[in-house]
Structure formats: C-alpha cells, structure tokens
Amino acid sequence: MHNEITLSVFFGAISSLLLGIVAYFIKQLHTDFKSMEKDISEVKTMALVIKTEFKNTYDLLNQKVEYLEQRINKIELNQIKHSDHESR
C-alpha cells in the first residue's frame, strides 16, 4: 500500500510538472500573439499612411500633367495662329 501511494504521488508530481511546463509555453505563446497583433496593427497603420501619401502624390502629379497639357494646347494654338498670320 505504501508503494502505491509513493507511485501515485510520483505520477502526480510528474503530471503537475508537465502541466506547469505546458501552461508556461501557452502563456509565452499568448504573449507572442499579443505582440504580433500589435506589430500587425502598426504595419497596417504604416501601410495606410504610405498609401495615402502615394495617392496624394499621384493626384498632385496628375494636376501638374493636366496643367502642362493645357499650356501645351495654348502654345500650339498660339503657334497655329501665328503661322496662319504669317502665311497670309
């Protein structure tokens, strides 16, 4: 009977130790997931900022291109008018 109690206590201690180790690793895993969630949130925020900056730059570039196209059209019209006046 004494041998069974000792064996039972030994297996109980081993089981408790193993469960403690598993609990420790689960806690570490949970901490890592929380950290990863924070990092992903920061990456999403930075991606949104970069996307907004690129969109604003793209819009500004389009405005400049449109302005230059208008100027070229005016210059071409003036050139056509000038060449018409010279040919007469």
Protein backbone atom coordinates (compact mmCIF):
# COMPACT_ATOMS: atom_id res chain seq x y z
CA MET A 1 0.00 0.00 0.00
CA HIS A 2 2.83 2.39 0.83
CA ASN A 3 4.40 1.62 -2.55
CA GLU A 4 1.15 2.53 -4.38
CA ILE A 5 0.92 5.88 -2.57
CA THR A 6 4.53 6.70 -3.44
CA LEU A 7 3.92 5.75 -7.06
CA SER A 8 0.71 7.81 -7.10
CA VAL A 9 2.49 10.85 -5.60
CA PHE A 10 5.34 10.44 -8.11
CA PHE A 11 2.96 10.37 -11.11
CA GLY A 12 1.01 13.29 -9.64
CA ALA A 13 4.19 15.31 -9.29
CA ILE A 14 5.29 14.44 -12.84
CA SER A 15 1.82 15.33 -14.19
CA SER A 16 1.82 18.65 -12.31
CA LEU A 17 5.30 19.45 -13.57
CA LEU A 18 4.37 18.67 -17.17
CA LEU A 19 1.14 20.69 -16.93
CA GLY A 20 3.14 23.59 -15.47
CA ILE A 21 5.56 23.43 -18.40
CA VAL A 22 2.68 23.31 -20.89
CA ALA A 23 0.99 26.27 -19.13
CA TYR A 24 4.26 28.24 -19.28
CA PHE A 25 4.63 27.68 -23.02
CA ILE A 26 0.98 28.54 -23.64
CA LYS A 27 1.47 31.78 -21.70
CA GLN A 28 4.57 32.57 -23.80
CA LEU A 29 2.65 31.78 -26.97
CA HIS A 30 -0.17 34.08 -25.88
CA THR A 31 2.32 36.87 -25.18
CA ASP A 32 3.90 36.35 -28.62
CA PHE A 33 0.50 36.51 -30.30
CA LYS A 34 -0.34 39.75 -28.48
CA SER A 35 2.99 41.21 -29.60
CA MET A 36 2.41 40.03 -33.17
CA GLU A 37 -1.10 41.54 -33.12
CA LYS A 38 0.39 44.89 -32.07
CA ASP A 39 3.06 44.68 -34.79
CA ILE A 40 0.46 43.86 -37.44
CA SER A 41 -1.64 46.81 -36.32
CA GLU A 42 1.39 49.09 -36.68
CA VAL A 43 2.14 47.66 -40.14
CA LYS A 44 -1.47 48.27 -41.22
CA THR A 45 -1.28 51.86 -39.98
CA MET A 46 2.01 52.48 -41.79
CA ALA A 47 0.64 50.89 -44.97
CA LEU A 48 -2.38 53.20 -44.80
CA VAL A 49 -0.13 56.24 -44.30
CA ILE A 50 2.08 55.23 -47.25
CA LYS A 51 -0.99 54.55 -49.41
CA THR A 52 -2.38 57.98 -48.57
CA GLU A 53 0.94 59.67 -49.34
CA PHE A 54 1.21 57.89 -52.70
CA LYS A 55 -2.39 58.82 -53.57
CA ASN A 56 -1.77 62.48 -52.72
CA THR A 57 1.46 62.48 -54.73
CA TYR A 58 -0.32 60.78 -57.64
CA ASP A 59 -3.13 63.35 -57.55
CA LEU A 60 -0.64 66.22 -57.45
CA LEU A 61 1.29 64.74 -60.36
CA ASN A 62 -1.93 64.39 -62.36
CA GLN A 63 -2.76 68.04 -61.67
CA LYS A 64 0.67 69.09 -62.91
CA VAL A 65 0.31 66.95 -66.03
CA GLU A 66 -3.13 68.43 -66.75
CA TYR A 67 -1.76 71.95 -66.27
CA LEU A 68 1.13 71.24 -68.63
CA GLU A 69 -1.24 69.75 -71.22
CA GLN A 70 -3.35 72.91 -71.06
CA ARG A 71 -0.26 75.08 -71.51
CA ILE A 72 0.92 72.99 -74.45
CA ASN A 73 -2.52 73.26 -76.06
CA LYS A 74 -2.45 77.05 -75.64
CA ILE A 75 1.07 77.25 -77.07
CA GLU A 76 0.04 75.07 -80.01
CA LEU A 77 -2.99 77.27 -80.66
CA ASN A 78 -0.83 80.39 -80.49
CA GLN A 79 1.69 78.78 -82.82
CA ILE A 80 -1.07 77.85 -85.28
CA LYS A 81 -2.48 81.39 -85.14
CA HIS A 82 0.97 82.86 -85.63
CA SER A 83 1.73 80.62 -88.59
CA ASP A 84 -1.69 81.48 -90.11
CA HIS A 85 -0.95 85.18 -89.84
CA GLU A 86 2.46 84.76 -91.44
CA SER A 87 1.10 82.75 -94.33
CA ARG A 88 -1.44 85.47 -95.27
